[in-house]
Amino acid sequence: MNLSTLVKVPARTAFLMAIEMQKITWMLCVVVSISMMGFTANLFAHGSGPGISTNEMIVTRNFTGIWDQVDQQSQGLALQVVEQLDDSRRSVVYWYTYGSDRKTAWFIGIGDLVDDRIEFELFESTDVGFMQAATPGSDPVQSIGHMTIVFDSCESGVVTYETDNAEVGSGSFNIKRLLEVMNTHCSGGISDDMHADAMFGEQRLGLTPAREGITGSGHARYEDYSGHMEFEVDVDGLPDGDYHLYVGMQDRGGITVQGGHGVANFASPGEDGKRMLTFDPRGLQIEIHDDQGAMLSSFENGFEQDDHGHHGDEDHNYDCEFGPGSGHGGGMGGGMGDGMMDCVDDGEFIEIEADLENTDVLPGAKGDAEWKMNSERVEFSVEIEDVPVGSYPLHVGGIEVGMITAFAMHDGEVYGHIKFRDPEVSGREHLDFEPRGQKIEVIQGDNIILEVVFPME
């Protein structure tokens, strides 16, 4: 009877032993990680190796859980996908099995996530007794080989291992998910790794000719909301044929142009008619390539990255733990009015949206404004559509705060936006004014074409 069967038979003593084994394994994930801190520090300093991914699945944090060896008796893996201080991801695995003496044995692996697999260095701890006191300077953990887990879905995979331990040797076994972390759902897409306090929204950027003789154009769109990410690239005006989409200098698959138009759609979790989004396009250059190289490019422009976990400095803090209005320094703090929320609890965010009203100077023009705050930052953005290509000054409270550049997209529509942020980051204007309660105006020449009094809440 294997472990998965035992879990279904709670009346048997063996079931209780299996559950206790799982508890001990999870405790080991904490205890061993702490006691081996000096050992793991150097190992975790390395990131995953280079390589492109055209796979329909990647390993995400939602692969964390208990995995059963389906063909062996009461043996398996306790797997964790962890995030390091630099936001990179690695994995820890605890392999619980048995020795030739038929007593329980376990091994630990620490490794890199590479597309649909995890590549571990495998270690064992020897000559340590039950409840043995910690001995400073003692290092009972030694490398014995390597282990690789290749997943074919969120529920199953194949493990191969090769060691210099005569008793363990080399081999392979099949695994199946037995338990997962409560309230998680594995899709195998990049959205599995979204942070709970991420600030969601939509971003667009234009693609322009990258070399002489190219007359086409295009645009890219990125959108995220809770548990979901979408990435889309549209091109127009290129000769009919097959091209390649490059994101961050990596080939992310083909894009076919027919009738002068082509589109590549990605989503996570996966959707019918769209490729699984297994990479994060934010902060990366986007290009369309033919056999001669780049045809269209976003050049230095890129989607804004989420900087979860980077708290900036003590002069820019919107966490209510430090008291309303504390630490805003040269950013938003000086402009906030009485009665307006100027902080949020860690892990929460506030969002205010308003449609811009058309003044009939440019019939058909439209736009919207959005203000968002979490405990680490405040953002304000204005988007406009269906206006002539060009530049439009943005006024807030009668003062010009920036310039919106509108560009043509493949379908003939025109789109433009400007984004502000505090703390300030590269690629965003500094949000050093308070838009709430102020009149927002988009200007063309001497005329106001769009306006709204932005809500205070």
Protein backbone atom coordinates (compact mmCIF):
# COMPACT_ATOMS: atom_id res chain seq x y z
CA MET A 1 0.00 0.00 0.00
CA ASN A 2 1.57 3.31 -1.05
CA LEU A 3 1.30 6.69 0.66
CA SER A 4 -1.56 7.95 -1.51
CA THR A 5 -3.60 4.90 -0.51
CA LEU A 6 -2.79 5.40 3.14
CA VAL A 7 -4.19 8.94 3.04
CA LYS A 8 -7.52 7.53 1.91
CA VAL A 9 -7.72 5.06 4.85
CA PRO A 10 -7.73 7.17 8.04
CA ALA A 11 -8.74 4.28 10.25
CA ARG A 12 -5.44 2.50 9.95
CA THR A 13 -2.45 3.13 12.17
CA ALA A 14 -0.31 3.39 9.05
CA PHE A 15 -2.29 6.47 8.01
CA LEU A 16 -1.44 8.23 11.25
CA MET A 17 2.20 7.37 10.76
CA ALA A 18 2.10 8.77 7.24
CA ILE A 19 0.54 12.02 8.40
CA GLU A 20 3.16 12.37 11.13
CA MET A 21 5.83 11.73 8.53
CA GLN A 22 4.46 14.59 6.44
CA LYS A 23 4.45 16.88 9.47
CA ILE A 24 8.04 15.99 10.28
CA THR A 25 9.05 16.61 6.68
CA TRP A 26 7.54 20.09 6.71
CA MET A 27 9.22 20.81 10.05
CA LEU A 28 12.52 19.72 8.53
CA CYS A 29 11.97 22.32 5.79
CA VAL A 30 12.28 24.98 8.48
CA VAL A 31 14.64 23.39 10.98
CA VAL A 32 17.20 22.16 8.46
CA SER A 33 17.11 25.42 6.50
CA ILE A 34 17.92 27.35 9.67
CA SER A 35 20.55 24.95 11.00
CA MET A 36 22.23 24.85 7.58
CA MET A 37 22.12 28.61 7.09
CA GLY A 38 25.85 28.87 6.51
CA PHE A 39 25.68 25.95 4.10
CA THR A 40 22.73 27.24 2.09
CA ALA A 41 23.77 30.89 1.91
CA ASN A 42 26.30 30.32 -0.84
CA LEU A 43 24.10 27.83 -2.67
CA PHE A 44 21.17 30.20 -2.82
CA ALA A 45 23.30 33.05 -4.14
CA HIS A 46 23.20 31.51 -7.62
CA GLY A 47 20.30 31.97 -10.01
CA SER A 48 18.93 29.76 -12.76
CA GLY A 49 20.98 29.36 -15.90
CA PRO A 50 20.34 30.98 -19.28
CA GLY A 51 17.98 29.56 -21.86
CA ILE A 52 14.81 30.32 -23.75
CA SER A 53 11.42 28.91 -23.00
CA THR A 54 8.89 27.94 -25.62
CA ASN A 55 7.34 25.40 -23.24
CA GLU A 56 3.67 25.44 -22.42
CA MET A 57 4.44 25.21 -18.69
CA ILE A 58 6.97 26.48 -16.18
CA VAL A 59 7.58 25.54 -12.58
CA THR A 60 6.00 28.11 -10.25
CA ARG A 61 5.54 28.50 -6.50
CA ASN A 62 2.27 26.56 -6.81
CA PHE A 63 4.26 23.36 -7.39
CA THR A 64 5.05 23.53 -3.67
CA GLY A 65 3.57 20.53 -1.88
CA ILE A 66 3.92 16.82 -1.07
CA TRP A 67 4.64 14.53 -4.03
CA ASP A 68 4.14 10.77 -3.76
CA GLN A 69 6.36 8.12 -5.39
CA VAL A 70 3.49 6.27 -7.01
CA ASP A 71 5.40 3.02 -7.59
CA GLN A 72 7.20 2.82 -4.23
CA GLN A 73 5.95 2.14 -0.72
CA SER A 74 5.34 5.22 1.47
CA GLN A 75 8.07 7.38 -0.06
CA GLY A 76 8.06 10.77 -1.75
CA LEU A 77 9.15 14.41 -1.87
CA ALA A 78 8.36 17.55 0.09
CA LEU A 79 8.95 20.33 -2.44
CA GLN A 80 9.18 24.07 -1.86
CA VAL A 81 9.65 26.86 -4.41
CA VAL A 82 11.08 29.86 -2.56
CA GLU A 83 11.75 33.51 -3.33
CA GLN A 84 15.09 35.03 -2.33
CA LEU A 85 15.79 38.57 -1.19
CA ASP A 86 16.68 39.61 -4.76
CA ASP A 87 13.28 38.27 -5.99
CA SER A 88 14.90 35.33 -7.80
CA ARG A 89 13.42 31.88 -7.25
CA ARG A 90 15.00 28.59 -6.22
CA SER A 91 13.72 25.33 -4.86
CA VAL A 92 14.31 23.07 -1.87
CA VAL A 93 13.30 19.41 -1.92
CA TYR A 94 13.29 16.86 0.91
CA TRP A 95 13.34 13.26 -0.29
CA TYR A 96 11.99 10.94 2.39
CA THR A 97 12.74 7.27 1.79
CA TYR A 98 14.35 4.26 3.52
CA GLY A 99 17.86 2.79 3.93
CA SER A 100 19.04 -0.79 3.59
CA ASP A 101 18.40 -1.16 7.32
CA ARG A 102 14.69 -0.47 6.56
CA LYS A 103 14.78 2.64 8.72
CA THR A 104 13.66 6.04 7.50
CA ALA A 105 16.19 8.13 5.61
CA TRP A 106 16.04 11.51 3.94
CA PHE A 107 18.05 13.69 1.56
CA ILE A 108 17.91 17.38 0.76
CA GLY A 109 18.22 19.02 -2.66
CA ILE A 110 18.72 22.70 -3.49
CA GLY A 111 18.30 23.72 -7.09
CA ASP A 112 17.38 26.00 -9.97
CA LEU A 113 14.09 26.33 -11.82
CA VAL A 114 14.56 25.92 -15.58
CA ASP A 115 11.34 26.00 -17.63
CA ASP A 116 9.39 22.81 -16.77
CA ARG A 117 12.05 21.25 -14.56
CA ILE A 118 14.11 21.74 -11.40
CA GLU A 119 17.78 20.80 -11.32
CA PHE A 120 19.05 20.03 -7.81
CA GLU A 121 22.34 19.32 -6.13
CA LEU A 122 21.60 16.49 -3.70
CA PHE A 123 22.96 16.31 -0.14
CA GLU A 124 22.82 13.96 2.83
CA SER A 125 23.41 14.47 6.53
CA THR A 126 25.36 11.76 8.34
CA ASP A 127 26.36 10.81 11.89
CA VAL A 128 23.72 12.91 13.65
CA GLY A 129 21.73 11.35 16.49
CA PHE A 130 18.17 11.91 17.65
CA MET A 131 17.87 15.26 19.46
CA GLN A 132 21.65 15.67 19.30
CA ALA A 133 22.72 19.11 20.55
CA ALA A 134 23.94 21.58 17.95
CA THR A 135 27.71 21.66 17.63
CA PRO A 136 29.20 24.96 16.37
CA GLY A 137 31.50 24.41 13.42
CA SER A 138 30.11 20.95 12.70
CA ASP A 139 29.18 20.30 9.06
CA PRO A 140 27.50 16.90 8.72
CA VAL A 141 25.94 17.78 5.34
CA GLN A 142 27.78 16.53 2.24
CA SER A 143 27.02 16.61 -1.48
CA ILE A 144 26.34 13.18 -2.95
CA GLY A 145 25.12 13.95 -6.49
CA HIS A 146 22.29 15.46 -8.49
CA MET A 147 18.53 15.13 -8.91
CA THR A 148 16.25 16.49 -11.67
CA ILE A 149 12.47 16.74 -11.59
CA VAL A 150 10.77 17.14 -14.98
CA PHE A 151 7.06 17.95 -14.69
CA ASP A 152 4.60 16.95 -17.39
CA SER A 153 1.75 18.77 -15.63
CA CYS A 154 0.87 20.42 -12.34
CA GLU A 155 0.01 16.98 -11.01
CA SER A 156 2.77 14.61 -12.14
CA GLY A 157 6.39 14.30 -13.20
CA VAL A 158 9.49 12.13 -13.42
CA VAL A 159 12.49 12.26 -11.07
CA THR A 160 15.97 11.14 -12.08
CA TYR A 161 18.95 11.01 -9.73
CA GLU A 162 22.63 10.16 -9.90
CA THR A 163 24.74 9.88 -6.76
CA ASP A 164 28.08 8.57 -5.54
CA ASN A 165 26.33 6.98 -2.57
CA ALA A 166 26.68 3.21 -3.09
CA GLU A 167 23.37 2.50 -1.39
CA VAL A 168 21.38 5.13 -3.30
CA GLY A 169 23.14 4.84 -6.66
CA SER A 170 21.29 6.16 -9.72
CA GLY A 171 17.77 5.72 -11.02
CA SER A 172 14.40 7.32 -11.63
CA PHE A 173 10.83 7.24 -10.34
CA ASN A 174 7.44 8.72 -11.12
CA ILE A 175 5.77 11.23 -8.82
CA LYS A 176 2.21 12.43 -8.38
CA ARG A 177 0.97 15.37 -6.35
CA LEU A 178 -0.46 14.28 -3.01
CA LEU A 179 -0.94 17.58 -1.16
CA GLU A 180 -0.76 21.25 -2.12
CA VAL A 181 -0.69 24.50 -0.16
CA MET A 182 -4.15 25.55 0.98
CA ASN A 183 -6.01 27.97 -1.34
CA THR A 184 -3.56 27.67 -4.23
CA HIS A 185 -4.21 26.57 -7.79
CA CYS A 186 -1.42 25.53 -10.13
CA SER A 187 -1.72 26.58 -13.79
CA GLY A 188 1.90 26.24 -14.90
CA GLY A 189 1.84 29.87 -16.06
CA ILE A 190 3.65 32.97 -14.83
CA SER A 191 0.53 34.28 -13.06
CA ASP A 192 1.03 31.61 -10.38
CA ASP A 193 3.89 33.75 -9.06
CA MET A 194 1.95 37.04 -8.80
CA HIS A 195 2.25 38.84 -5.48
CA ALA A 196 -0.94 39.41 -3.52
CA ASP A 197 -0.27 43.15 -3.11
CA ALA A 198 0.69 43.81 -6.75
CA MET A 199 -0.83 46.94 -8.31
CA PHE A 200 -2.76 45.75 -11.36
CA GLY A 201 -3.54 47.50 -14.63
CA GLU A 202 -2.96 47.71 -18.38
CA GLN A 203 0.11 49.01 -20.22
CA ARG A 204 0.78 49.60 -23.91
CA LEU A 205 3.79 50.60 -25.96
CA GLY A 206 4.53 51.14 -29.63
CA LEU A 207 6.78 49.15 -31.97
CA THR A 208 8.55 51.17 -34.68
CA PRO A 209 10.87 50.25 -37.59
CA ALA A 210 14.26 48.97 -36.44
CA ARG A 211 16.07 49.38 -39.77
CA GLU A 212 15.76 51.23 -43.05
CA GLY A 213 13.19 50.04 -45.56
CA ILE A 214 10.66 48.83 -42.97
CA THR A 215 7.30 50.58 -43.27
CA GLY A 216 5.26 48.53 -40.81
CA SER A 217 4.43 49.29 -37.19
CA GLY A 218 2.92 47.60 -34.19
CA HIS A 219 2.15 47.76 -30.51
CA ALA A 220 2.36 45.55 -27.45
CA ARG A 221 -0.14 45.33 -24.61
CA TYR A 222 0.31 43.91 -21.12
CA GLU A 223 -2.52 43.57 -18.62
CA ASP A 224 -2.77 41.95 -15.22
CA TYR A 225 -5.37 41.57 -12.54
CA SER A 226 -5.71 39.25 -9.58
CA GLY A 227 -4.53 35.79 -10.64
CA HIS A 228 -4.33 36.65 -14.35
CA MET A 229 -1.80 38.02 -16.87
CA GLU A 230 -2.15 38.79 -20.59
CA PHE A 231 0.46 39.77 -23.17
CA GLU A 232 -0.37 40.66 -26.77
CA VAL A 233 1.70 41.88 -29.72
CA ASP A 234 0.03 43.27 -32.87
CA VAL A 235 1.85 44.18 -36.08
CA ASP A 236 0.57 45.92 -39.18
CA GLY A 237 1.98 46.78 -42.59
CA LEU A 238 4.57 43.99 -42.83
CA PRO A 239 4.71 41.67 -45.88
CA ASP A 240 2.73 38.47 -45.43
CA GLY A 241 4.84 35.68 -43.97
CA ASP A 242 6.21 34.14 -40.79
CA TYR A 243 8.24 36.15 -38.27
CA HIS A 244 9.59 35.65 -34.77
CA LEU A 245 8.71 37.49 -31.59
CA TYR A 246 11.69 38.32 -29.38
CA VAL A 247 11.20 39.45 -25.77
CA GLY A 248 14.35 40.40 -23.90
CA MET A 249 16.49 38.98 -26.74
CA GLN A 250 14.83 35.55 -26.38
CA ASP A 251 12.73 33.93 -29.09
CA ARG A 252 9.20 33.51 -27.74
CA GLY A 253 7.67 31.89 -30.83
CA GLY A 254 6.35 32.74 -34.24
CA ILE A 255 3.95 35.41 -35.44
CA THR A 256 2.24 35.01 -38.84
CA VAL A 257 1.26 38.05 -40.91
CA GLN A 258 -1.70 37.63 -43.27
CA GLY A 259 -3.28 40.49 -45.15
CA GLY A 260 -0.67 42.77 -43.63
CA HIS A 261 -1.68 42.03 -40.04
CA GLY A 262 -0.40 39.61 -37.42
CA VAL A 263 -0.99 39.01 -33.73
CA ALA A 264 0.52 36.88 -30.96
CA ASN A 265 -1.57 36.32 -27.83
CA PHE A 266 -0.41 34.92 -24.50
CA ALA A 267 -2.32 34.39 -21.25
CA SER A 268 -1.80 32.87 -17.82
CA PRO A 269 -3.69 30.83 -16.79
CA GLY A 270 -3.97 29.41 -20.30
CA GLU A 271 -6.97 30.28 -22.48
CA ASP A 272 -8.30 28.80 -25.73
CA GLY A 273 -6.64 30.40 -28.73
CA LYS A 274 -3.80 31.88 -26.65
CA ARG A 275 -0.34 30.56 -25.80
CA MET A 276 0.51 29.96 -22.17
CA LEU A 277 2.36 32.98 -20.76
CA THR A 278 5.43 31.41 -19.18
CA PHE A 279 7.63 34.53 -19.06
CA ASP A 280 7.33 38.07 -17.71
CA PRO A 281 7.59 40.69 -20.52
CA ARG A 282 7.86 43.66 -18.16
CA GLY A 283 11.04 45.65 -18.33
CA LEU A 284 12.18 43.86 -21.51
CA GLN A 285 12.73 45.03 -25.08
CA ILE A 286 10.17 43.66 -27.57
CA GLU A 287 11.07 43.02 -31.20
CA ILE A 288 9.75 41.38 -34.37
CA HIS A 289 12.48 39.56 -36.36
CA ASP A 290 12.86 38.19 -39.87
CA ASP A 291 15.87 36.32 -41.25
CA GLN A 292 17.90 39.55 -41.29
CA GLY A 293 17.20 40.51 -37.69
CA ALA A 294 14.98 43.07 -35.98
CA MET A 295 12.25 44.71 -38.10
CA LEU A 296 10.18 46.38 -35.39
CA SER A 297 11.32 47.27 -31.89
CA SER A 298 10.21 48.96 -28.68
CA PHE A 299 13.85 50.15 -28.31
CA GLU A 300 14.42 51.56 -24.79
CA ASN A 301 10.72 51.50 -23.93
CA GLY A 302 9.34 48.69 -21.79
CA PHE A 303 6.42 47.80 -19.57
CA GLU A 304 6.80 48.95 -15.98
CA GLN A 305 7.96 46.24 -13.64
CA ASP A 306 6.35 45.47 -10.32
CA ASP A 307 8.92 46.16 -7.61
CA HIS A 308 7.25 44.15 -4.89
CA GLY A 309 9.47 43.84 -1.86
CA HIS A 310 11.64 46.87 -2.66
CA HIS A 311 10.61 49.43 -0.11
CA GLY A 312 12.68 52.34 -1.36
CA ASP A 313 13.79 54.51 1.54
CA GLU A 314 12.35 55.74 4.81
CA ASP A 315 11.33 59.07 3.23
CA HIS A 316 8.76 57.37 0.98
CA ASN A 317 6.49 55.10 2.99
CA TYR A 318 2.73 54.65 2.77
CA ASP A 319 2.32 51.93 5.39
CA CYS A 320 -0.20 52.87 8.11
CA GLU A 321 1.97 50.99 10.59
CA PHE A 322 4.12 54.11 10.65
CA GLY A 323 1.17 56.44 11.08
CA PRO A 324 -0.91 58.40 8.52
CA GLY A 325 1.19 60.72 6.41
CA SER A 326 4.53 59.63 7.84
CA GLY A 327 7.69 59.61 5.80
CA HIS A 328 6.40 61.04 2.53
CA GLY A 329 9.36 63.36 2.15
CA GLY A 330 9.53 65.23 -1.16
CA GLY A 331 6.83 63.14 -2.79
CA MET A 332 3.08 63.03 -2.22
CA GLY A 333 3.09 63.96 1.44
CA GLY A 334 3.21 67.72 1.00
CA GLY A 335 0.13 67.82 -1.20
CA MET A 336 -2.37 65.62 0.59
CA GLY A 337 -5.44 67.38 1.82
CA ASP A 338 -7.47 66.99 4.97
CA GLY A 339 -9.63 63.89 5.17
CA MET A 340 -7.89 62.02 2.33
CA MET A 341 -6.45 58.56 2.89
CA ASP A 342 -2.66 58.80 2.77
CA CYS A 343 -1.66 55.33 3.96
CA VAL A 344 -2.76 51.70 3.69
CA ASP A 345 -2.06 48.55 5.64
CA ASP A 346 0.66 46.27 4.33
CA GLY A 347 -0.73 43.92 1.66
CA GLU A 348 -3.66 46.19 0.72
CA PHE A 349 -4.14 48.86 -1.93
CA ILE A 350 -6.58 51.62 -2.89
CA GLU A 351 -7.66 52.45 -6.44
CA ILE A 352 -9.59 55.48 -7.75
CA GLU A 353 -10.65 55.80 -11.42
CA ALA A 354 -12.42 58.48 -13.42
CA ASP A 355 -13.41 58.89 -17.09
CA LEU A 356 -12.34 62.15 -18.74
CA GLU A 357 -15.18 64.23 -20.19
CA ASN A 358 -15.05 65.35 -23.83
CA THR A 359 -15.33 69.14 -24.27
CA ASP A 360 -16.44 68.78 -27.95
CA VAL A 361 -13.23 70.34 -29.25
CA LEU A 362 -12.23 66.90 -30.59
CA PRO A 363 -15.44 64.83 -30.93
CA GLY A 364 -14.74 61.17 -30.28
CA ALA A 365 -11.69 61.78 -28.09
CA LYS A 366 -11.79 59.92 -24.79
CA GLY A 367 -9.59 59.12 -21.85
CA ASP A 368 -9.39 58.11 -18.22
CA ALA A 369 -7.31 58.78 -15.12
CA GLU A 370 -6.32 56.33 -12.39
CA TRP A 371 -4.76 56.72 -8.93
CA LYS A 372 -3.44 53.75 -6.93
CA MET A 373 -1.70 53.36 -3.57
CA ASN A 374 -0.20 50.46 -1.68
CA SER A 375 2.08 50.50 1.36
CA GLU A 376 5.18 51.00 -0.78
CA ARG A 377 4.19 53.47 -3.49
CA VAL A 378 1.59 55.74 -5.09
CA GLU A 379 0.90 55.86 -8.84
CA PHE A 380 -1.13 58.20 -11.02
CA SER A 381 -1.75 57.73 -14.75
CA VAL A 382 -3.74 59.33 -17.56
CA GLU A 383 -4.61 57.61 -20.85
CA ILE A 384 -6.15 59.13 -23.99
CA GLU A 385 -7.55 57.55 -27.16
CA ASP A 386 -9.00 58.51 -30.55
CA VAL A 387 -7.06 61.76 -30.85
CA PRO A 388 -4.67 62.87 -33.63
CA VAL A 389 -1.09 61.64 -33.34
CA GLY A 390 0.89 64.21 -31.38
CA SER A 391 1.77 65.61 -27.96
CA TYR A 392 -0.76 66.86 -25.42
CA PRO A 393 0.11 68.81 -22.24
CA LEU A 394 -1.48 67.47 -19.04
CA HIS A 395 -2.64 70.00 -16.45
CA VAL A 396 -3.54 69.15 -12.85
CA GLY A 397 -5.05 71.96 -10.79
CA GLY A 398 -4.17 74.46 -13.55
CA ILE A 399 -0.46 73.51 -13.59
CA GLU A 400 1.25 71.58 -16.38
CA VAL A 401 2.69 68.38 -14.91
CA GLY A 402 3.70 66.45 -18.03
CA MET A 403 3.24 65.69 -21.73
CA ILE A 404 1.21 62.82 -23.21
CA THR A 405 2.52 61.43 -26.50
CA ALA A 406 -0.14 59.74 -28.63
CA PHE A 407 0.88 57.18 -31.28
CA ALA A 408 -0.96 55.19 -33.98
CA MET A 409 -1.72 51.50 -33.45
CA HIS A 410 -2.19 48.81 -36.09
CA ASP A 411 -5.96 49.26 -36.37
CA GLY A 412 -5.69 53.00 -37.04
CA GLU A 413 -6.64 54.02 -33.51
CA VAL A 414 -4.40 56.39 -31.58
CA TYR A 415 -3.39 55.87 -27.97
CA GLY A 416 -1.25 57.77 -25.47
CA HIS A 417 -0.50 57.72 -21.77
CA ILE A 418 1.63 59.22 -19.04
CA LYS A 419 2.46 57.65 -15.69
CA PHE A 420 3.68 59.15 -12.42
CA ARG A 421 5.03 57.43 -9.35
CA ASP A 422 6.36 58.06 -5.85
CA PRO A 423 8.99 56.89 -5.00
CA GLU A 424 10.38 57.87 -8.39
CA VAL A 425 11.72 55.13 -10.69
CA SER A 426 13.32 55.09 -14.11
CA GLY A 427 10.78 55.50 -16.92
CA ARG A 428 8.13 57.18 -14.75
CA GLU A 429 7.57 60.84 -13.94
CA HIS A 430 7.90 61.76 -10.29
CA LEU A 431 4.54 62.08 -8.56
CA ASP A 432 5.22 65.22 -6.54
CA PHE A 433 1.67 66.62 -6.72
CA GLU A 434 -1.75 65.60 -5.38
CA PRO A 435 -4.29 64.85 -8.16
CA ARG A 436 -7.21 63.95 -5.88
CA GLY A 437 -9.80 66.68 -5.73
CA GLN A 438 -8.06 68.56 -8.56
CA LYS A 439 -9.23 69.33 -12.09
CA ILE A 440 -7.48 67.14 -14.67
CA GLU A 441 -7.16 68.69 -18.16
CA VAL A 442 -5.69 67.43 -21.45
CA ILE A 443 -4.70 70.33 -23.71
CA GLN A 444 -4.41 70.74 -27.49
CA GLY A 445 -3.03 74.14 -28.44
CA ASP A 446 -5.11 76.66 -26.52
CA ASN A 447 -8.04 74.31 -26.00
CA ILE A 448 -9.03 71.81 -23.34
CA ILE A 449 -10.11 68.59 -25.08
CA LEU A 450 -10.67 66.32 -22.07
CA GLU A 451 -11.28 67.16 -18.43
CA VAL A 452 -12.57 65.90 -15.11
CA VAL A 453 -12.52 66.84 -11.47
CA PHE A 454 -10.74 63.81 -10.08
CA PRO A 455 -12.51 62.16 -7.12
CA MET A 456 -11.04 62.30 -3.64
CA GLU A 457 -12.01 58.68 -2.91
